[in-house]
N, C-alpha and C. Protein backbone atom coordinates (compact mmCIF):
# COMPACT_ATOMS: atom_id res chain seq x y z
N MET A 1 26.75 -13.05 -26.20
CA MET A 1 25.65 -12.62 -27.01
C MET A 1 24.26 -12.87 -25.58
N LYS A 2 23.84 -12.05 -25.52
CA LYS A 2 22.92 -12.03 -24.10
C LYS A 2 21.54 -12.01 -25.29
N ASN A 3 20.62 -13.38 -24.26
CA ASN A 3 19.87 -13.67 -25.18
C ASN A 3 18.41 -12.85 -24.82
N PRO A 4 17.23 -13.22 -25.38
CA PRO A 4 15.69 -12.03 -25.33
C PRO A 4 15.88 -11.73 -23.58
N ALA A 5 15.75 -12.50 -22.85
CA ALA A 5 15.17 -13.06 -21.30
C ALA A 5 16.16 -11.71 -20.71
N GLN A 6 17.51 -11.99 -21.12
CA GLN A 6 18.78 -11.04 -20.65
C GLN A 6 18.26 -9.93 -20.99
N ARG A 7 18.10 -9.89 -22.57
CA ARG A 7 17.88 -8.48 -22.83
C ARG A 7 16.90 -7.33 -22.38
N ARG A 8 15.87 -8.25 -21.57
CA ARG A 8 14.38 -7.28 -20.81
C ARG A 8 15.35 -7.08 -19.96
N ARG A 9 15.52 -8.01 -19.11
CA ARG A 9 16.05 -7.23 -17.43
C ARG A 9 16.61 -6.62 -17.81
N ARG A 10 17.30 -6.42 -18.41
CA ARG A 10 18.07 -4.40 -18.73
C ARG A 10 17.21 -3.60 -18.81
N GLY A 11 15.43 -3.82 -18.93
CA GLY A 11 14.76 -2.83 -18.63
C GLY A 11 14.25 -2.19 -20.10
N PRO A 12 13.28 -1.37 -20.26
CA PRO A 12 12.62 -0.86 -21.46
C PRO A 12 14.18 -0.65 -22.46
N ASP A 13 13.39 -1.20 -23.87
CA ASP A 13 14.18 -0.97 -24.66
C ASP A 13 14.83 0.73 -25.21
N PRO A 14 15.64 1.15 -25.36
CA PRO A 14 16.39 2.62 -25.59
C PRO A 14 15.10 3.25 -26.54
N TRP A 15 14.98 2.51 -27.83
CA TRP A 15 14.13 3.40 -28.43
C TRP A 15 12.86 3.96 -27.89
N ILE A 16 12.27 2.93 -26.87
CA ILE A 16 10.97 3.52 -26.06
C ILE A 16 11.37 4.66 -25.23
N GLU A 17 12.48 4.44 -24.77
CA GLU A 17 13.37 5.52 -23.61
C GLU A 17 13.53 6.86 -24.89
N ALA A 18 13.70 6.89 -26.11
CA ALA A 18 14.57 7.90 -26.72
C ALA A 18 12.77 8.14 -27.23
N ALA A 19 11.64 7.67 -27.39
CA ALA A 19 10.41 8.47 -27.63
C ALA A 19 9.95 8.77 -26.49
N TYR A 20 10.06 7.79 -25.27
CA TYR A 20 9.43 9.28 -24.40
C TYR A 20 9.96 10.39 -24.05
N ALA A 21 11.37 10.12 -23.59
CA ALA A 21 12.07 11.87 -23.60
C ALA A 21 11.28 12.67 -25.49
N LEU A 22 11.34 12.26 -26.16
CA LEU A 22 11.43 13.51 -27.55
C LEU A 22 9.59 13.57 -27.39
N LEU A 23 9.31 12.99 -26.51
CA LEU A 23 7.00 13.42 -26.23
C LEU A 23 7.24 13.99 -25.45
N ALA A 24 7.57 14.61 -24.28
CA ALA A 24 8.10 15.18 -23.19
C ALA A 24 8.63 16.44 -23.36
N GLN A 25 9.62 16.78 -24.53
CA GLN A 25 10.18 17.15 -24.82
C GLN A 25 9.71 18.21 -25.91
N HIS A 26 9.60 17.70 -26.90
CA HIS A 26 8.88 18.38 -28.17
C HIS A 26 7.05 17.73 -28.95
N GLY A 27 6.81 16.32 -28.00
CA GLY A 27 5.30 16.39 -28.46
C GLY A 27 5.48 15.86 -29.77
N HIS A 28 3.71 14.63 -30.32
CA HIS A 28 3.74 14.36 -30.56
C HIS A 28 5.33 13.49 -32.40
N SER A 29 5.49 14.79 -32.88
CA SER A 29 5.57 15.62 -34.16
C SER A 29 7.28 15.32 -34.10
N ALA A 30 7.79 14.76 -33.12
CA ALA A 30 9.52 14.65 -33.08
C ALA A 30 9.71 12.93 -32.89
N VAL A 31 8.48 12.16 -32.64
CA VAL A 31 8.67 10.89 -32.53
C VAL A 31 8.12 10.44 -34.23
N THR A 32 9.56 10.78 -35.02
CA THR A 32 9.91 9.96 -36.24
C THR A 32 11.21 9.17 -36.20
N ILE A 33 11.30 8.21 -37.10
CA ILE A 33 12.91 7.65 -37.05
C ILE A 33 13.91 8.03 -37.01
N GLU A 34 13.72 9.79 -37.66
CA GLU A 34 15.13 10.25 -37.82
C GLU A 34 15.96 10.63 -36.24
N GLN A 35 14.49 11.29 -35.96
CA GLN A 35 14.48 11.73 -34.66
C GLN A 35 14.80 10.63 -33.87
N LEU A 36 14.09 9.61 -33.85
CA LEU A 36 14.71 8.08 -33.18
C LEU A 36 16.46 8.00 -33.14
N THR A 37 16.53 7.89 -34.26
CA THR A 37 17.84 7.21 -34.75
C THR A 37 19.31 8.19 -33.76
N ALA A 38 18.13 9.55 -34.07
CA ALA A 38 19.06 10.44 -33.54
C ALA A 38 19.52 10.56 -32.13
N GLN A 39 18.60 10.20 -31.75
CA GLN A 39 18.08 10.27 -29.93
C GLN A 39 19.38 9.04 -29.79
N THR A 40 18.92 7.95 -30.46
CA THR A 40 19.49 6.77 -29.82
C THR A 40 21.30 6.92 -30.55
N ALA A 41 21.84 7.56 -31.32
CA ALA A 41 23.13 6.99 -32.05
C ALA A 41 22.52 5.91 -32.88
N LYS A 42 21.99 5.38 -32.94
CA LYS A 42 21.42 4.03 -33.33
C LYS A 42 21.02 4.66 -35.01
N THR A 43 21.21 3.41 -36.16
CA THR A 43 20.44 3.39 -37.51
C THR A 43 19.13 2.75 -37.79
N ARG A 44 19.00 3.16 -38.90
CA ARG A 44 17.76 3.11 -39.60
C ARG A 44 17.56 1.38 -39.19
N GLY A 45 18.78 1.09 -39.69
CA GLY A 45 18.34 -0.40 -39.78
C GLY A 45 18.43 -0.77 -38.37
N SER A 46 19.09 -0.49 -37.76
CA SER A 46 18.40 -1.00 -36.21
C SER A 46 16.93 -0.98 -35.53
N PHE A 47 16.00 0.00 -35.84
CA PHE A 47 15.33 0.45 -36.06
C PHE A 47 14.42 -0.91 -36.55
N TYR A 48 14.74 -0.71 -37.83
CA TYR A 48 13.58 -2.26 -37.85
C TYR A 48 13.91 -2.86 -37.79
N HIS A 49 14.95 -3.52 -37.51
CA HIS A 49 15.63 -4.65 -36.81
C HIS A 49 14.69 -4.67 -35.71
N HIS A 50 14.28 -4.55 -34.91
CA HIS A 50 13.84 -4.66 -34.17
C HIS A 50 11.48 -4.23 -34.21
N PHE A 51 11.53 -3.35 -35.17
CA PHE A 51 10.07 -2.84 -35.40
C PHE A 51 9.77 -3.17 -36.72
N SER A 52 9.24 -3.80 -37.03
CA SER A 52 8.94 -3.95 -38.50
C SER A 52 8.53 -3.06 -39.66
N SER A 53 7.68 -1.69 -38.53
CA SER A 53 7.13 -0.22 -38.95
C SER A 53 7.17 0.51 -37.85
N MET A 54 6.84 1.61 -38.14
CA MET A 54 6.82 2.47 -37.55
C MET A 54 4.87 2.30 -36.63
N GLU A 55 4.30 2.18 -37.31
CA GLU A 55 2.93 1.36 -35.89
C GLU A 55 3.18 0.69 -35.46
N SER A 56 3.90 -0.58 -35.74
CA SER A 56 4.55 -1.55 -35.18
C SER A 56 5.14 -0.89 -33.33
N PHE A 57 5.77 0.14 -33.98
CA PHE A 57 7.11 0.82 -33.02
C PHE A 57 6.03 1.41 -32.11
N VAL A 58 5.48 2.10 -32.62
CA VAL A 58 3.96 3.04 -31.83
C VAL A 58 3.37 2.15 -31.03
N GLU A 59 2.54 0.44 -31.64
CA GLU A 59 2.30 -0.40 -30.48
C GLU A 59 2.60 -0.87 -29.58
N GLN A 60 3.81 -0.65 -30.09
CA GLN A 60 4.60 -1.38 -28.64
C GLN A 60 4.71 -0.15 -27.24
N LEU A 61 4.97 0.87 -27.89
CA LEU A 61 5.21 2.15 -27.14
C LEU A 61 3.98 2.15 -26.41
N MET A 62 2.71 2.00 -26.85
CA MET A 62 1.59 2.02 -25.82
C MET A 62 1.56 1.26 -25.22
N THR A 63 1.87 -0.04 -24.98
CA THR A 63 1.86 -1.35 -24.62
C THR A 63 2.71 -1.02 -23.27
N ASP A 64 4.10 -0.51 -23.42
CA ASP A 64 4.99 -0.48 -22.68
C ASP A 64 4.39 0.98 -21.64
N TRP A 65 3.85 2.27 -22.18
CA TRP A 65 3.26 3.31 -21.29
C TRP A 65 2.17 1.98 -20.49
N ARG A 66 1.56 1.08 -20.67
CA ARG A 66 0.19 1.00 -20.50
C ARG A 66 0.44 0.11 -19.01
N GLU A 67 1.54 -0.74 -19.42
CA GLU A 67 2.89 -1.86 -18.30
C GLU A 67 2.84 -0.76 -17.01
N ARG A 68 3.68 0.53 -17.43
CA ARG A 68 4.77 1.36 -16.76
C ARG A 68 3.77 1.70 -16.27
N ASN A 69 3.08 2.95 -16.10
CA ASN A 69 2.50 4.14 -16.00
C ASN A 69 1.19 3.68 -15.10
N THR A 70 0.82 2.54 -15.35
CA THR A 70 -1.04 2.33 -15.03
C THR A 70 -0.69 0.55 -14.59
N GLU A 71 -0.10 -0.68 -15.02
CA GLU A 71 -0.20 -1.92 -14.77
C GLU A 71 0.69 -2.11 -13.67
N ARG A 72 1.61 -1.61 -13.59
CA ARG A 72 2.90 -2.16 -12.57
C ARG A 72 2.38 -1.25 -11.45
N ILE A 73 1.43 0.21 -11.65
CA ILE A 73 1.25 0.89 -10.17
C ILE A 73 -0.23 -0.08 -9.45
N VAL A 74 -1.25 -0.35 -10.34
CA VAL A 74 -2.18 -1.10 -10.13
C VAL A 74 -1.92 -2.45 -8.86
N ARG A 75 -0.68 -3.52 -10.00
CA ARG A 75 -0.05 -4.26 -8.87
C ARG A 75 0.30 -4.14 -7.85
N LEU A 76 1.23 -2.94 -7.32
CA LEU A 76 1.70 -2.40 -6.72
C LEU A 76 0.44 -2.44 -5.38
N ALA A 77 -0.79 -1.81 -5.80
CA ALA A 77 -1.66 -1.35 -5.25
C ALA A 77 -2.34 -2.99 -4.33
N GLN A 78 -2.30 -3.65 -5.62
CA GLN A 78 -3.32 -4.92 -4.90
C GLN A 78 -2.79 -5.24 -4.22
N ALA A 79 -0.96 -5.31 -3.90
CA ALA A 79 -0.26 -6.01 -2.78
C ALA A 79 -0.40 -5.18 -1.93
N THR A 80 -1.25 -4.37 -1.66
CA THR A 80 -1.54 -3.64 -0.14
C THR A 80 -2.97 -3.38 0.56
N PRO A 81 -3.32 -4.82 0.82
CA PRO A 81 -4.49 -5.31 1.90
C PRO A 81 -5.44 -3.79 2.68
N GLU A 82 -5.10 -2.84 3.22
CA GLU A 82 -5.70 -1.86 3.68
C GLU A 82 -6.24 -0.83 3.15
N PRO A 83 -7.43 -0.68 2.32
CA PRO A 83 -7.52 0.72 1.98
C PRO A 83 -6.82 2.04 1.88
N GLY A 84 -6.63 2.49 2.73
CA GLY A 84 -5.96 3.99 2.95
C GLY A 84 -4.93 3.73 2.87
N ALA A 85 -4.04 2.39 2.84
CA ALA A 85 -2.57 2.74 2.75
C ALA A 85 -2.08 2.29 0.56
N ARG A 86 -3.82 1.66 0.45
CA ARG A 86 -3.13 1.19 -0.95
C ARG A 86 -3.48 2.95 -1.40
N ARG A 87 -4.50 3.39 -1.06
CA ARG A 87 -5.08 4.83 -1.52
C ARG A 87 -3.99 5.36 -1.76
N SER A 88 -2.85 5.73 -0.77
CA SER A 88 -1.92 6.21 -0.55
C SER A 88 -0.60 6.09 -1.63
N LEU A 89 -0.63 4.46 -1.14
CA LEU A 89 0.69 4.43 -2.10
C LEU A 89 -0.10 5.02 -3.76
N VAL A 90 -1.37 4.95 -4.21
CA VAL A 90 -1.49 5.03 -5.32
C VAL A 90 -1.25 6.35 -5.72
N ASN A 91 -1.39 7.57 -4.57
CA ASN A 91 -1.84 9.25 -5.38
C ASN A 91 -0.08 9.36 -5.32
N ARG A 92 0.75 8.44 -4.48
CA ARG A 92 2.26 8.78 -4.11
C ARG A 92 2.62 8.43 -5.87
N GLU A 93 2.17 7.00 -6.11
CA GLU A 93 3.02 6.64 -7.49
C GLU A 93 2.23 7.33 -8.77
N ALA A 94 1.15 7.86 -8.38
CA ALA A 94 0.30 9.03 -9.58
C ALA A 94 1.28 10.30 -9.68
N VAL A 95 1.30 10.95 -8.40
CA VAL A 95 2.25 12.11 -8.64
C VAL A 95 3.30 12.34 -9.01
N GLN A 96 4.13 10.55 -9.66
CA GLN A 96 5.61 10.92 -10.01
C GLN A 96 5.37 10.73 -11.25
N LEU A 97 4.41 10.56 -12.22
CA LEU A 97 3.99 10.42 -13.26
C LEU A 97 4.55 11.73 -14.34
N ASN A 98 5.65 11.83 -15.24
CA ASN A 98 5.77 12.78 -16.06
C ASN A 98 4.33 13.83 -16.54
N ALA A 99 4.35 14.32 -16.15
CA ALA A 99 2.86 14.99 -17.17
C ALA A 99 3.01 15.33 -18.13
N HIS A 100 4.23 16.29 -18.78
CA HIS A 100 4.16 16.45 -19.70
C HIS A 100 3.97 15.42 -20.49
N LEU A 101 4.74 13.93 -20.78
CA LEU A 101 4.60 12.65 -21.62
C LEU A 101 2.98 12.64 -21.52
N GLU A 102 2.34 12.42 -20.17
CA GLU A 102 0.97 12.02 -20.38
C GLU A 102 0.11 12.92 -21.15
N THR A 103 0.39 13.97 -20.82
CA THR A 103 -0.43 15.21 -22.03
C THR A 103 0.20 14.80 -23.42
N ALA A 104 1.47 15.21 -23.67
CA ALA A 104 1.53 14.00 -25.16
C ALA A 104 0.95 13.34 -25.85
N LEU A 105 0.71 12.34 -24.95
CA LEU A 105 0.13 11.80 -25.87
C LEU A 105 -0.95 11.59 -25.60
N ARG A 106 -2.11 12.44 -24.80
CA ARG A 106 -3.21 12.49 -24.96
C ARG A 106 -3.63 13.94 -26.18
N ILE A 107 -2.49 14.56 -26.56
CA ILE A 107 -2.70 15.47 -27.62
C ILE A 107 -2.26 14.56 -28.88
N TRP A 108 -1.49 13.53 -29.10
CA TRP A 108 -0.85 12.71 -29.90
C TRP A 108 -2.31 11.88 -30.28
N GLY A 109 -3.06 11.42 -29.15
CA GLY A 109 -4.14 10.87 -29.72
C GLY A 109 -5.24 11.37 -30.39
N GLY A 110 -5.28 12.68 -30.49
CA GLY A 110 -6.37 13.40 -30.87
C GLY A 110 -5.99 13.35 -32.43
N VAL A 111 -5.18 12.55 -32.58
CA VAL A 111 -4.49 12.56 -34.61
C VAL A 111 -4.05 11.43 -34.97
N HIS A 112 -3.80 10.28 -33.66
CA HIS A 112 -4.40 8.61 -33.66
C HIS A 112 -4.70 8.19 -33.21
N ALA A 113 -5.30 7.44 -34.46
CA ALA A 113 -6.33 6.48 -34.03
C ALA A 113 -5.46 5.22 -32.78
N ARG A 114 -4.49 4.63 -32.86
CA ARG A 114 -4.18 3.66 -31.97
C ARG A 114 -4.07 4.47 -30.68
N VAL A 115 -3.03 5.84 -30.75
CA VAL A 115 -2.65 6.15 -29.24
C VAL A 115 -4.21 6.41 -28.79
N LYS A 116 -4.70 7.23 -29.31
CA LYS A 116 -6.07 7.14 -28.50
C LYS A 116 -6.46 6.40 -27.75
N SER A 117 -7.22 5.35 -28.77
CA SER A 117 -7.30 3.72 -27.79
C SER A 117 -6.38 3.69 -26.66
N ALA A 118 -5.69 3.68 -26.84
CA ALA A 118 -4.68 3.14 -25.49
C ALA A 118 -4.73 4.08 -24.51
N CYS A 119 -4.95 5.61 -24.76
CA CYS A 119 -5.51 6.03 -23.78
C CYS A 119 -6.65 5.97 -23.19
N ASP A 120 -7.71 6.01 -24.16
CA ASP A 120 -9.15 5.68 -23.50
C ASP A 120 -9.11 4.57 -22.58
N ASP A 121 -8.20 3.44 -23.36
CA ASP A 121 -8.34 2.14 -22.49
C ASP A 121 -7.98 2.63 -20.69
N VAL A 122 -6.26 2.75 -20.98
CA VAL A 122 -5.58 3.43 -19.69
C VAL A 122 -6.76 4.06 -18.58
N ASP A 123 -6.92 5.27 -19.19
CA ASP A 123 -8.10 6.02 -18.68
C ASP A 123 -9.35 5.37 -17.56
N ARG A 124 -9.97 4.38 -18.41
CA ARG A 124 -10.88 3.52 -18.08
C ARG A 124 -10.65 1.99 -17.10
N ARG A 125 -9.29 2.11 -16.99
CA ARG A 125 -8.79 1.31 -16.84
C ARG A 125 -8.10 2.02 -14.75
N ARG A 126 -7.36 3.15 -15.01
CA ARG A 126 -7.32 3.96 -13.95
C ARG A 126 -8.81 4.05 -13.01
N VAL A 127 -9.54 4.99 -14.12
CA VAL A 127 -10.77 4.90 -13.16
C VAL A 127 -11.60 3.81 -12.43
N SER A 128 -11.63 2.19 -12.99
CA SER A 128 -12.11 1.37 -12.83
C SER A 128 -11.35 0.78 -11.12
N VAL A 129 -10.06 1.20 -11.14
CA VAL A 129 -9.18 0.74 -9.91
C VAL A 129 -9.89 1.68 -9.09
N LEU A 130 -9.52 3.42 -9.25
CA LEU A 130 -10.08 4.25 -8.15
C LEU A 130 -11.37 3.88 -7.73
N ALA A 131 -12.20 3.34 -8.71
CA ALA A 131 -13.44 3.14 -7.74
C ALA A 131 -13.28 2.35 -7.11
N GLY A 132 -13.19 0.95 -7.38
CA GLY A 132 -12.64 -0.14 -6.74
C GLY A 132 -12.25 -0.11 -5.27
N ASP A 133 -11.31 0.61 -5.10
CA ASP A 133 -10.78 1.54 -3.79
C ASP A 133 -11.56 2.31 -3.05
N LEU A 134 -12.35 2.87 -3.68
CA LEU A 134 -13.10 3.66 -2.91
C LEU A 134 -14.11 2.86 -2.26
N VAL A 135 -14.99 1.99 -2.86
CA VAL A 135 -16.04 0.91 -2.63
C VAL A 135 -15.29 0.21 -1.22
N ASP A 136 -13.92 -0.08 -1.22
CA ASP A 136 -12.72 -1.03 0.13
C ASP A 136 -13.24 0.40 1.09
N LEU A 137 -12.58 1.40 0.67
CA LEU A 137 -12.30 2.40 1.31
C LEU A 137 -13.55 2.61 2.88
N ALA A 138 -14.87 2.29 1.70
CA ALA A 138 -16.47 3.20 2.34
C ALA A 138 -16.44 1.82 3.53
N LYS A 139 -16.30 0.49 2.87
CA LYS A 139 -16.77 -0.44 3.95
C LYS A 139 -15.91 -0.28 5.17
N ALA A 140 -14.87 0.39 4.96
CA ALA A 140 -13.31 0.03 6.48
C ALA A 140 -14.02 1.21 6.98
N GLN A 141 -15.01 2.18 7.00
CA GLN A 141 -15.15 3.40 6.94
C GLN A 141 -16.93 3.11 7.41
N GLY A 142 -17.16 2.15 7.31
CA GLY A 142 -18.53 1.54 7.64
C GLY A 142 -20.05 1.96 7.11
N CYS A 143 -19.56 1.87 5.80
CA CYS A 143 -21.26 2.19 4.76
C CYS A 143 -20.62 1.47 3.31
N GLU A 144 -21.50 1.96 2.19
CA GLU A 144 -21.69 1.20 1.07
C GLU A 144 -21.61 2.25 0.10
N LEU A 145 -21.35 2.09 -0.96
CA LEU A 145 -21.20 2.62 -1.82
C LEU A 145 -22.02 2.19 -3.34
N SER A 146 -22.48 2.59 -3.74
CA SER A 146 -22.62 1.80 -4.81
C SER A 146 -21.70 1.69 -6.33
N GLU A 147 -21.88 0.87 -7.19
CA GLU A 147 -21.03 0.97 -8.15
C GLU A 147 -20.68 2.15 -8.90
N GLN A 148 -22.20 3.07 -9.04
CA GLN A 148 -22.15 4.16 -9.83
C GLN A 148 -22.00 5.11 -9.22
N GLU A 149 -22.02 5.04 -7.74
CA GLU A 149 -21.53 6.61 -7.26
C GLU A 149 -19.92 6.64 -7.04
N ALA A 150 -19.51 4.84 -6.95
CA ALA A 150 -18.15 5.00 -6.23
C ALA A 150 -17.66 5.45 -8.13
N GLY A 151 -18.13 4.88 -9.04
CA GLY A 151 -17.74 5.45 -10.09
C GLY A 151 -17.76 7.00 -10.61
N ALA A 152 -18.62 7.35 -9.78
CA ALA A 152 -18.55 9.07 -9.97
C ALA A 152 -17.38 9.45 -9.07
N LEU A 153 -17.37 9.22 -8.25
CA LEU A 153 -16.40 9.91 -7.62
C LEU A 153 -15.23 9.24 -7.99
N ALA A 154 -15.01 8.19 -8.59
CA ALA A 154 -13.83 8.07 -9.63
C ALA A 154 -13.30 9.42 -10.75
N GLN A 155 -13.90 9.27 -11.06
CA GLN A 155 -14.07 10.10 -12.10
C GLN A 155 -14.21 11.83 -11.93
N ILE A 156 -14.62 12.05 -10.93
CA ILE A 156 -14.43 13.38 -9.95
C ILE A 156 -12.55 13.78 -9.83
N GLU A 157 -12.53 12.57 -9.12
CA GLU A 157 -10.95 12.27 -8.82
C GLU A 157 -9.94 12.48 -9.82
N TYR A 158 -10.12 11.84 -10.68
CA TYR A 158 -9.41 11.30 -11.92
C TYR A 158 -9.35 12.64 -13.15
N ALA A 159 -10.42 13.36 -12.95
CA ALA A 159 -10.68 14.24 -13.61
C ALA A 159 -9.70 15.56 -12.70
N ALA A 160 -9.95 15.39 -11.04
CA ALA A 160 -9.08 16.95 -10.99
C ALA A 160 -7.25 16.49 -11.42
N PHE A 161 -6.62 14.84 -11.13
CA PHE A 161 -5.45 14.67 -11.56
C PHE A 161 -4.95 14.97 -12.98
N VAL A 162 -6.21 14.63 -13.80
CA VAL A 162 -5.75 14.95 -15.35
C VAL A 162 -5.42 17.04 -15.56
N GLY A 163 -6.34 17.37 -14.87
CA GLY A 163 -6.85 18.48 -14.96
C GLY A 163 -5.16 19.42 -14.39
N ALA A 164 -4.68 18.90 -13.30
CA ALA A 164 -3.26 19.26 -12.24
C ALA A 164 -2.25 19.05 -13.34
N GLN A 165 -2.40 17.93 -14.19
CA GLN A 165 -1.15 17.54 -15.04
C GLN A 165 -1.44 18.57 -16.22
N LEU A 166 -2.50 18.84 -16.84
CA LEU A 166 -2.50 20.10 -17.50
C LEU A 166 -2.31 21.31 -17.40
N LEU A 167 -2.66 21.15 -16.33
CA LEU A 167 -2.71 23.01 -16.11
C LEU A 167 -1.10 23.54 -15.03
N ALA A 168 -0.50 22.61 -14.32
CA ALA A 168 0.30 22.92 -13.76
C ALA A 168 1.48 21.30 -14.17
N PRO A 169 2.08 21.14 -15.24
CA PRO A 169 2.97 20.35 -15.81
C PRO A 169 4.44 20.83 -15.70
N GLU A 170 4.77 21.50 -14.70
CA GLU A 170 5.88 21.68 -14.27
C GLU A 170 6.62 21.62 -12.74
N GLU A 171 5.31 21.39 -11.61
CA GLU A 171 4.90 21.57 -10.33
C GLU A 171 5.50 20.18 -9.56
N ASN A 172 6.11 19.06 -10.87
CA ASN A 172 6.38 18.25 -10.46
C ASN A 172 5.49 16.95 -9.37
N GLY A 173 4.06 17.15 -9.37
CA GLY A 173 3.03 16.85 -8.87
C GLY A 173 2.80 17.29 -7.49
N THR A 174 3.42 18.52 -7.84
CA THR A 174 2.56 19.36 -6.26
C THR A 174 1.75 19.80 -6.38
N SER A 175 1.00 19.95 -7.07
CA SER A 175 -0.26 20.35 -7.63
C SER A 175 -1.24 19.55 -7.62
N SER A 176 -0.77 17.57 -7.92
CA SER A 176 -1.54 17.19 -7.59
C SER A 176 -1.88 16.47 -6.21
N THR A 177 -0.18 16.54 -5.86
CA THR A 177 -0.81 16.07 -4.09
C THR A 177 -1.66 16.70 -3.76
N GLU A 178 -1.67 18.50 -3.73
CA GLU A 178 -2.26 19.61 -3.14
C GLU A 178 -3.70 18.90 -3.06
N LEU A 179 -3.74 18.99 -4.54
CA LEU A 179 -5.58 18.56 -5.14
C LEU A 179 -5.98 17.01 -4.41
N GLY A 180 -5.20 16.16 -4.07
CA GLY A 180 -5.48 14.51 -3.78
C GLY A 180 -5.81 15.26 -2.17
N ASN A 181 -5.05 15.65 -1.42
CA ASN A 181 -5.14 15.73 -0.16
C ASN A 181 -6.49 16.20 -0.11
N LEU A 182 -6.78 17.45 -0.32
CA LEU A 182 -8.17 18.39 -0.63
C LEU A 182 -9.00 17.26 -0.31
N TYR A 183 -8.65 16.49 -2.11
CA TYR A 183 -9.96 15.51 -2.18
C TYR A 183 -10.54 14.39 -1.21
N ASP A 184 -9.17 14.55 -0.48
CA ASP A 184 -9.71 13.56 0.19
C ASP A 184 -10.15 13.84 1.96
N GLU A 185 -10.00 15.16 2.09
CA GLU A 185 -10.39 15.24 3.31
C GLU A 185 -12.11 15.86 2.61
N MET A 186 -12.50 15.55 1.64
CA MET A 186 -13.93 16.45 1.25
C MET A 186 -14.31 14.42 0.97
N LEU A 187 -13.72 13.80 0.96
CA LEU A 187 -13.62 12.52 0.75
C LEU A 187 -14.25 11.42 1.67
N ASN A 188 -13.07 12.01 2.62
CA ASN A 188 -13.93 11.24 3.42
C ASN A 188 -14.95 12.09 5.55
N ALA A 189 -15.16 13.16 4.79
CA ALA A 189 -16.02 13.68 5.41
C ALA A 189 -17.43 12.73 4.38
N TYR A 190 -17.32 13.33 3.26
CA TYR A 190 -18.34 12.49 2.61
C TYR A 190 -18.76 11.26 3.01
N LEU A 191 -18.01 10.13 3.66
CA LEU A 191 -18.17 9.06 4.04
C LEU A 191 -18.58 8.86 5.43
N THR A 192 -18.01 9.96 5.99
CA THR A 192 -18.39 10.12 7.32
C THR A 192 -19.95 10.32 7.79
N HIS A 193 -20.53 11.22 6.97
CA HIS A 193 -21.95 11.68 6.76
C HIS A 193 -22.51 10.29 6.31
N ARG A 194 -21.86 9.96 5.28
CA ARG A 194 -22.63 9.04 4.45
C ARG A 194 -22.69 7.40 6.11
N SER A 195 -22.14 7.45 6.64
CA SER A 195 -21.82 5.87 7.48
C SER A 195 -22.49 6.47 9.00
N SER A 196 -22.22 7.69 9.25
CA SER A 196 -23.49 8.41 10.18
C SER A 196 -24.80 8.00 9.61
N LYS A 197 -25.50 8.25 8.97
CA LYS A 197 -26.44 8.66 7.79
C LYS A 197 -27.38 7.17 7.70
N GLU A 198 -26.21 6.43 7.82
CA GLU A 198 -26.59 4.87 7.31
C GLU A 198 -26.65 4.45 8.69
N GLY A 199 -25.78 4.67 10.04
CA GLY A 199 -26.15 3.98 11.07
C GLY A 199 -27.91 4.38 11.37
N SER A 200 -27.87 5.81 11.18
CA SER A 200 -29.64 6.24 12.37
C SER A 200 -30.70 5.59 11.37
N ILE A 201 -30.76 4.96 10.30
CA ILE A 201 -31.45 4.05 9.20
C ILE A 201 -32.36 2.97 10.50
């Protein structure tokens, strides 16, 4: 029998994978024990062997989602010291996220307090990381952004990303990529203007 560490190395639990598939395809109303057992071809007993209740399952699902779709990307970014390359990496990873899953979780958050809390935490974390990267990018281009200004720019960027997921989920990141490229052009123009303005003082 494989020990728990070996099981973890095999990847996310099949119950978690099943929930992601159900959410992306059918929304949160499909995430029931009956649907999960059908999706995994396992028994209710197997479900309760891993999770004490549906609420504990949701808790683990939210933990896995944050780790996979946010913290993993943050770690990759932190290992990339150059600000421009770091932004490119984050953008590349972000557009690979399943827009149907992300949207389904936000809808679920409207009726489930734990899911809403997880979505709020993830949003704050993503915006915070974007803001920090914008400060570093500005410094590399010879200007300074205040914490408030960087936060506002990060909010604009993240709002465009979430909006693209909602409006064009079938485009597999194409819409988000195009918006990201346009935002980067505007951002570079803004930072260039700020740099020249600060240099003339």
